[in-house]
Amino acid sequence: LFRGPTSAFKDVALSMLPQLITQAREQTAMSHEILILTATSGDTGKAAMAGFCNVPGTKIIVFYPDQGVSAVQKAQMVTQEGSNVCVCAVRGNFDDTQAGVKEIFSLGVPDNCGIRLSSANSINIGRLAPQVVYYFRAYADLLAAGRIEKGDKVDFVVPTGNFGDILAGYYAKRLGLPVGTLICASNRNDVLTD
């Protein structure tokens, strides 16, 4: 999963999401432009910007905490090319960026402005659904390697910041994948754990 254009596990889902949004827009004959608002603590931002770069009918704005991403992640985001991408540093932490994006969503935009809001965060099922496949793929790889037998339960330890990836694991379990325990691992940014 780290072999994508930005070396983030989110590359797979965020390469697929723009295609899903484009197809949905075409199938519904929507004339509105889709404005993607995304909060990031690092990986999501660049992966989303790379995925949506120059995708017709879309624009993306990524918000990141000014002092809350690595130098590499910041460099990746601020150097992203594309006529439809924008990145904004926020004074505060990731929770502040996310709160700002949620506030914009709660306010909405007038219908006559020609814009529909969406997100590249895991609140968007189009982002989350492709991540479910990661768990099925991991299970299939374990089967192929002879590490487990069909039907054996597998425990997953998921490093997470904002729960999306482990939620995808939960959905995989609900879809019938033999998942044992899902362990949510976090670093000192333990808001989710708390």
C-alpha atoms as a PDB file:
ATOM      1  CA  LEU A   1       0.000   0.000   0.000  1.00  0.00           C
ATOM      2  CA  PHE A   2       2.964   2.349   0.343  1.00  0.00           C
ATOM      3  CA  ARG A   3       3.867   2.024  -3.341  1.00  0.00           C
ATOM      4  CA  GLY A   4       1.420   4.684  -4.526  1.00  0.00           C
ATOM      5  CA  PRO A   5       2.258   8.171  -5.783  1.00  0.00           C
ATOM      6  CA  THR A   6       2.603   9.658  -2.275  1.00  0.00           C
ATOM      7  CA  SER A   7       3.811   6.596  -0.307  1.00  0.00           C
ATOM      8  CA  ALA A   8       0.671   6.706   1.866  1.00  0.00           C
ATOM      9  CA  PHE A   9      -1.621   3.719   2.412  1.00  0.00           C
ATOM     10  CA  LYS A  10      -4.453   6.068   1.448  1.00  0.00           C
ATOM     11  CA  ASP A  11      -3.234   6.304  -2.156  1.00  0.00           C
ATOM     12  CA  VAL A  12      -5.329   3.316  -3.266  1.00  0.00           C
ATOM     13  CA  ALA A  13      -8.603   4.725  -1.951  1.00  0.00           C
ATOM     14  CA  LEU A  14      -7.785   8.298  -2.929  1.00  0.00           C
ATOM     15  CA  SER A  15      -6.891   7.277  -6.466  1.00  0.00           C
ATOM     16  CA  MET A  16     -10.264   5.586  -6.746  1.00  0.00           C
ATOM     17  CA  LEU A  17     -12.423   8.245  -5.049  1.00  0.00           C
ATOM     18  CA  PRO A  18     -12.062  10.876  -7.807  1.00  0.00           C
ATOM     19  CA  GLN A  19     -13.175   8.284 -10.357  1.00  0.00           C
ATOM     20  CA  LEU A  20     -16.206   7.373  -8.231  1.00  0.00           C
ATOM     21  CA  ILE A  21     -17.153  11.032  -7.815  1.00  0.00           C
ATOM     22  CA  THR A  22     -16.687  11.729 -11.527  1.00  0.00           C
ATOM     23  CA  GLN A  23     -18.862   8.760 -12.484  1.00  0.00           C
ATOM     24  CA  ALA A  24     -21.569   9.706  -9.973  1.00  0.00           C
ATOM     25  CA  ARG A  25     -21.538  13.257 -11.265  1.00  0.00           C
ATOM     26  CA  GLU A  26     -21.955  12.032 -14.862  1.00  0.00           C
ATOM     27  CA  GLN A  27     -24.633   9.455 -14.047  1.00  0.00           C
ATOM     28  CA  THR A  28     -26.731  12.034 -12.201  1.00  0.00           C
ATOM     29  CA  ALA A  29     -26.129  14.667 -14.885  1.00  0.00           C
ATOM     30  CA  MET A  30     -24.961  17.054 -12.183  1.00  0.00           C
ATOM     31  CA  SER A  31     -23.781  20.382 -13.508  1.00  0.00           C
ATOM     32  CA  HIS A  32     -22.469  21.598 -10.165  1.00  0.00           C
ATOM     33  CA  GLU A  33     -18.768  21.530  -9.484  1.00  0.00           C
ATOM     34  CA  ILE A  34     -17.710  19.272  -6.600  1.00  0.00           C
ATOM     35  CA  LEU A  35     -15.614  21.053  -3.972  1.00  0.00           C
ATOM     36  CA  ILE A  36     -13.661  18.580  -1.854  1.00  0.00           C
ATOM     37  CA  LEU A  37     -12.894  19.908   1.640  1.00  0.00           C
ATOM     38  CA  THR A  38     -10.387  17.802   3.532  1.00  0.00           C
ATOM     39  CA  ALA A  39      -8.654  18.020   6.895  1.00  0.00           C
ATOM     40  CA  THR A  40      -5.351  16.209   7.236  1.00  0.00           C
ATOM     41  CA  SER A  41      -2.676  15.376   9.736  1.00  0.00           C
ATOM     42  CA  GLY A  42      -0.386  14.617   6.796  1.00  0.00           C
ATOM     43  CA  ASP A  43      -1.021  11.559   4.624  1.00  0.00           C
ATOM     44  CA  THR A  44      -4.592  12.228   3.514  1.00  0.00           C
ATOM     45  CA  GLY A  45      -3.790  15.710   2.226  1.00  0.00           C
ATOM     46  CA  LYS A  46      -1.164  14.843  -0.344  1.00  0.00           C
ATOM     47  CA  ALA A  47      -2.875  11.614  -1.374  1.00  0.00           C
ATOM     48  CA  ALA A  48      -6.169  13.463  -1.920  1.00  0.00           C
ATOM     49  CA  MET A  49      -4.512  16.308  -3.810  1.00  0.00           C
ATOM     50  CA  ALA A  50      -2.659  13.856  -6.055  1.00  0.00           C
ATOM     51  CA  GLY A  51      -5.855  11.892  -6.677  1.00  0.00           C
ATOM     52  CA  PHE A  52      -7.964  14.929  -7.550  1.00  0.00           C
ATOM     53  CA  CYS A  53      -5.267  16.829  -9.449  1.00  0.00           C
ATOM     54  CA  ASN A  54      -6.847  18.253 -12.617  1.00  0.00           C
ATOM     55  CA  VAL A  55      -9.919  15.988 -12.369  1.00  0.00           C
ATOM     56  CA  PRO A  56     -12.619  17.811 -14.375  1.00  0.00           C
ATOM     57  CA  GLY A  57     -15.576  19.150 -12.420  1.00  0.00           C
ATOM     58  CA  THR A  58     -13.744  19.081  -9.091  1.00  0.00           C
ATOM     59  CA  LYS A  59     -11.699  21.341  -6.884  1.00  0.00           C
ATOM     60  CA  ILE A  60      -9.988  20.369  -3.658  1.00  0.00           C
ATOM     61  CA  ILE A  61      -8.933  22.387  -0.632  1.00  0.00           C
ATOM     62  CA  VAL A  62      -6.819  20.645   2.000  1.00  0.00           C
ATOM     63  CA  PHE A  63      -6.414  22.085   5.492  1.00  0.00           C
ATOM     64  CA  TYR A  64      -3.495  20.974   7.669  1.00  0.00           C
ATOM     65  CA  PRO A  65      -2.197  22.047  11.088  1.00  0.00           C
ATOM     66  CA  ASP A  66       0.728  24.395  10.447  1.00  0.00           C
ATOM     67  CA  GLN A  67       2.987  22.776  13.038  1.00  0.00           C
ATOM     68  CA  GLY A  68       1.314  19.355  12.953  1.00  0.00           C
ATOM     69  CA  VAL A  69       2.697  17.614   9.868  1.00  0.00           C
ATOM     70  CA  SER A  70       6.169  16.409   9.014  1.00  0.00           C
ATOM     71  CA  ALA A  71       8.464  18.485   6.822  1.00  0.00           C
ATOM     72  CA  VAL A  72       8.138  15.885   4.060  1.00  0.00           C
ATOM     73  CA  GLN A  73       4.330  15.911   4.212  1.00  0.00           C
ATOM     74  CA  LYS A  74       4.226  19.706   4.144  1.00  0.00           C
ATOM     75  CA  ALA A  75       6.628  19.802   1.183  1.00  0.00           C
ATOM     76  CA  GLN A  76       4.503  17.233  -0.658  1.00  0.00           C
ATOM     77  CA  MET A  77       1.352  19.281  -0.157  1.00  0.00           C
ATOM     78  CA  VAL A  78       2.660  22.780  -0.877  1.00  0.00           C
ATOM     79  CA  THR A  79       4.381  21.650  -4.078  1.00  0.00           C
ATOM     80  CA  GLN A  80       1.381  19.774  -5.491  1.00  0.00           C
ATOM     81  CA  GLU A  81       0.686  20.944  -9.005  1.00  0.00           C
ATOM     82  CA  GLY A  82      -2.770  21.203 -10.519  1.00  0.00           C
ATOM     83  CA  SER A  83      -5.192  23.924 -11.505  1.00  0.00           C
ATOM     84  CA  ASN A  84      -7.858  22.695  -9.087  1.00  0.00           C
ATOM     85  CA  VAL A  85      -5.845  22.122  -5.891  1.00  0.00           C
ATOM     86  CA  CYS A  86      -5.308  24.371  -2.897  1.00  0.00           C
ATOM     87  CA  VAL A  87      -3.688  23.769   0.481  1.00  0.00           C
ATOM     88  CA  CYS A  88      -4.105  25.916   3.597  1.00  0.00           C
ATOM     89  CA  ALA A  89      -2.160  25.846   6.850  1.00  0.00           C
ATOM     90  CA  VAL A  90      -4.246  26.287   9.984  1.00  0.00           C
ATOM     91  CA  ARG A  91      -3.002  27.710  13.266  1.00  0.00           C
ATOM     92  CA  GLY A  92      -3.839  24.901  15.647  1.00  0.00           C
ATOM     93  CA  ASN A  93      -3.881  21.123  15.669  1.00  0.00           C
ATOM     94  CA  PHE A  94      -5.605  18.526  13.512  1.00  0.00           C
ATOM     95  CA  ASP A  95      -8.772  18.731  15.593  1.00  0.00           C
ATOM     96  CA  ASP A  96      -8.950  22.444  14.769  1.00  0.00           C
ATOM     97  CA  THR A  97      -8.659  21.749  11.035  1.00  0.00           C
ATOM     98  CA  GLN A  98     -11.319  19.082  11.233  1.00  0.00           C
ATOM     99  CA  ALA A  99     -13.628  21.301  13.293  1.00  0.00           C
ATOM    100  CA  GLY A 100     -13.307  24.038  10.662  1.00  0.00           C
ATOM    101  CA  VAL A 101     -14.173  21.663   7.827  1.00  0.00           C
ATOM    102  CA  LYS A 102     -17.141  20.263   9.781  1.00  0.00           C
ATOM    103  CA  GLU A 103     -18.376  23.806  10.402  1.00  0.00           C
ATOM    104  CA  ILE A 104     -18.269  24.584   6.681  1.00  0.00           C
ATOM    105  CA  PHE A 105     -20.245  21.404   5.981  1.00  0.00           C
ATOM    106  CA  SER A 106     -22.822  22.317   8.622  1.00  0.00           C
ATOM    107  CA  LEU A 107     -23.290  25.758   7.027  1.00  0.00           C
ATOM    108  CA  GLY A 108     -23.473  24.345   3.504  1.00  0.00           C
ATOM    109  CA  VAL A 109     -23.531  26.408   0.328  1.00  0.00           C
ATOM    110  CA  PRO A 110     -26.519  27.970  -1.438  1.00  0.00           C
ATOM    111  CA  ASP A 111     -27.849  25.857  -4.295  1.00  0.00           C
ATOM    112  CA  ASN A 112     -27.443  28.708  -6.771  1.00  0.00           C
ATOM    113  CA  CYS A 113     -23.689  28.899  -6.254  1.00  0.00           C
ATOM    114  CA  GLY A 114     -22.987  25.940  -8.522  1.00  0.00           C
ATOM    115  CA  ILE A 115     -21.022  23.957  -5.946  1.00  0.00           C
ATOM    116  CA  ARG A 116     -21.641  20.726  -4.059  1.00  0.00           C
ATOM    117  CA  LEU A 117     -19.459  19.893  -1.074  1.00  0.00           C
ATOM    118  CA  SER A 118     -17.767  16.563  -0.517  1.00  0.00           C
ATOM    119  CA  SER A 119     -14.766  15.250   1.378  1.00  0.00           C
ATOM    120  CA  ALA A 120     -11.761  13.013   0.871  1.00  0.00           C
ATOM    121  CA  ASN A 121     -11.748  12.115   4.562  1.00  0.00           C
ATOM    122  CA  SER A 122     -13.119   8.783   5.702  1.00  0.00           C
ATOM    123  CA  ILE A 123     -16.537  10.342   6.342  1.00  0.00           C
ATOM    124  CA  ASN A 124     -16.975   9.797   2.595  1.00  0.00           C
ATOM    125  CA  ILE A 125     -18.061   6.211   1.931  1.00  0.00           C
ATOM    126  CA  GLY A 126     -16.345   6.462  -1.465  1.00  0.00           C
ATOM    127  CA  ARG A 127     -13.049   6.839   0.383  1.00  0.00           C
ATOM    128  CA  LEU A 128     -13.842   4.273   3.050  1.00  0.00           C
ATOM    129  CA  ALA A 129     -15.184   1.446   0.845  1.00  0.00           C
ATOM    130  CA  PRO A 130     -11.939   0.882  -1.090  1.00  0.00           C
ATOM    131  CA  GLN A 131     -10.108   0.566   2.235  1.00  0.00           C
ATOM    132  CA  VAL A 132     -12.304  -2.439   3.115  1.00  0.00           C
ATOM    133  CA  VAL A 133     -10.502  -4.271   0.329  1.00  0.00           C
ATOM    134  CA  TYR A 134      -7.189  -3.902   2.202  1.00  0.00           C
ATOM    135  CA  TYR A 135      -8.422  -6.366   4.831  1.00  0.00           C
ATOM    136  CA  PHE A 136      -9.681  -8.910   2.303  1.00  0.00           C
ATOM    137  CA  ARG A 137      -6.372  -8.630   0.465  1.00  0.00           C
ATOM    138  CA  ALA A 138      -4.368  -9.142   3.663  1.00  0.00           C
ATOM    139  CA  TYR A 139      -6.461 -12.202   4.465  1.00  0.00           C
ATOM    140  CA  ALA A 140      -6.002 -13.591   0.940  1.00  0.00           C
ATOM    141  CA  ASP A 141      -2.240 -13.019   1.195  1.00  0.00           C
ATOM    142  CA  LEU A 142      -2.117 -14.930   4.491  1.00  0.00           C
ATOM    143  CA  LEU A 143      -4.075 -17.793   2.914  1.00  0.00           C
ATOM    144  CA  ALA A 144      -1.798 -17.884  -0.135  1.00  0.00           C
ATOM    145  CA  ALA A 145       1.294 -17.929   2.080  1.00  0.00           C
ATOM    146  CA  GLY A 146      -0.101 -20.854   4.090  1.00  0.00           C
ATOM    147  CA  ARG A 147      -0.039 -18.828   7.320  1.00  0.00           C
ATOM    148  CA  ILE A 148      -3.743 -19.462   7.990  1.00  0.00           C
ATOM    149  CA  GLU A 149      -6.462 -21.870   6.920  1.00  0.00           C
ATOM    150  CA  LYS A 150      -9.700 -20.701   5.300  1.00  0.00           C
ATOM    151  CA  GLY A 151     -12.053 -19.565   8.040  1.00  0.00           C
ATOM    152  CA  ASP A 152      -9.340 -18.846  10.619  1.00  0.00           C
ATOM    153  CA  LYS A 153      -9.865 -15.540  12.366  1.00  0.00           C
ATOM    154  CA  VAL A 154      -7.175 -12.911  11.953  1.00  0.00           C
ATOM    155  CA  ASP A 155      -6.480 -10.071  14.379  1.00  0.00           C
ATOM    156  CA  PHE A 156      -5.503  -6.696  12.922  1.00  0.00           C
ATOM    157  CA  VAL A 157      -3.506  -3.988  14.663  1.00  0.00           C
ATOM    158  CA  VAL A 158      -4.276  -0.705  12.958  1.00  0.00           C
ATOM    159  CA  PRO A 159      -2.210   2.430  13.523  1.00  0.00           C
ATOM    160  CA  THR A 160      -4.770   5.161  13.265  1.00  0.00           C
ATOM    161  CA  GLY A 161      -5.278   8.841  13.735  1.00  0.00           C
ATOM    162  CA  ASN A 162      -8.941   9.296  13.025  1.00  0.00           C
ATOM    163  CA  PHE A 163     -10.536   5.847  12.933  1.00  0.00           C
ATOM    164  CA  GLY A 164     -11.263   5.531   9.187  1.00  0.00           C
ATOM    165  CA  ASP A 165      -8.941   2.620   8.458  1.00  0.00           C
ATOM    166  CA  ILE A 166     -10.021   0.562  11.449  1.00  0.00           C
ATOM    167  CA  LEU A 167     -13.654   1.317  10.586  1.00  0.00           C
ATOM    168  CA  ALA A 168     -12.967  -0.231   7.181  1.00  0.00           C
ATOM    169  CA  GLY A 169     -11.715  -3.314   9.058  1.00  0.00           C
ATOM    170  CA  TYR A 170     -14.951  -3.396  11.038  1.00  0.00           C
ATOM    171  CA  TYR A 171     -16.941  -3.205   7.786  1.00  0.00           C
ATOM    172  CA  ALA A 172     -14.861  -6.084   6.377  1.00  0.00           C
ATOM    173  CA  LYS A 173     -15.768  -8.102   9.467  1.00  0.00           C
ATOM    174  CA  ARG A 174     -19.456  -7.247   9.050  1.00  0.00           C
ATOM    175  CA  LEU A 175     -19.200  -8.333   5.396  1.00  0.00           C
ATOM    176  CA  GLY A 176     -18.096 -11.782   6.571  1.00  0.00           C
ATOM    177  CA  LEU A 177     -14.309 -11.644   6.666  1.00  0.00           C
ATOM    178  CA  PRO A 178     -13.105 -13.781   9.598  1.00  0.00           C
ATOM    179  CA  VAL A 179     -11.728 -10.939  11.693  1.00  0.00           C
ATOM    180  CA  GLY A 180     -10.901 -11.648  15.328  1.00  0.00           C
ATOM    181  CA  THR A 181      -9.872  -8.546  17.215  1.00  0.00           C
ATOM    182  CA  LEU A 182      -9.368  -5.082  15.770  1.00  0.00           C
ATOM    183  CA  ILE A 183      -6.757  -3.251  17.827  1.00  0.00           C
ATOM    184  CA  CYS A 184      -6.646   0.515  17.449  1.00  0.00           C
ATOM    185  CA  ALA A 185      -3.063   1.714  17.963  1.00  0.00           C
ATOM    186  CA  SER A 186      -2.307   5.393  18.374  1.00  0.00           C
ATOM    187  CA  ASN A 187       0.676   7.509  19.254  1.00  0.00           C
ATOM    188  CA  ARG A 188       0.685  10.390  21.747  1.00  0.00           C
ATOM    189  CA  ASN A 189      -2.056  12.032  19.669  1.00  0.00           C
ATOM    190  CA  ASP A 190      -4.529   9.879  21.577  1.00  0.00           C
ATOM    191  CA  VAL A 191      -7.759  11.835  21.174  1.00  0.00           C
ATOM    192  CA  LEU A 192      -9.455   8.792  19.618  1.00  0.00           C
ATOM    193  CA  THR A 193      -8.175   6.505  22.363  1.00  0.00           C
ATOM    194  CA  ASP A 194      -9.401   8.910  25.048  1.00  0.00           C
END
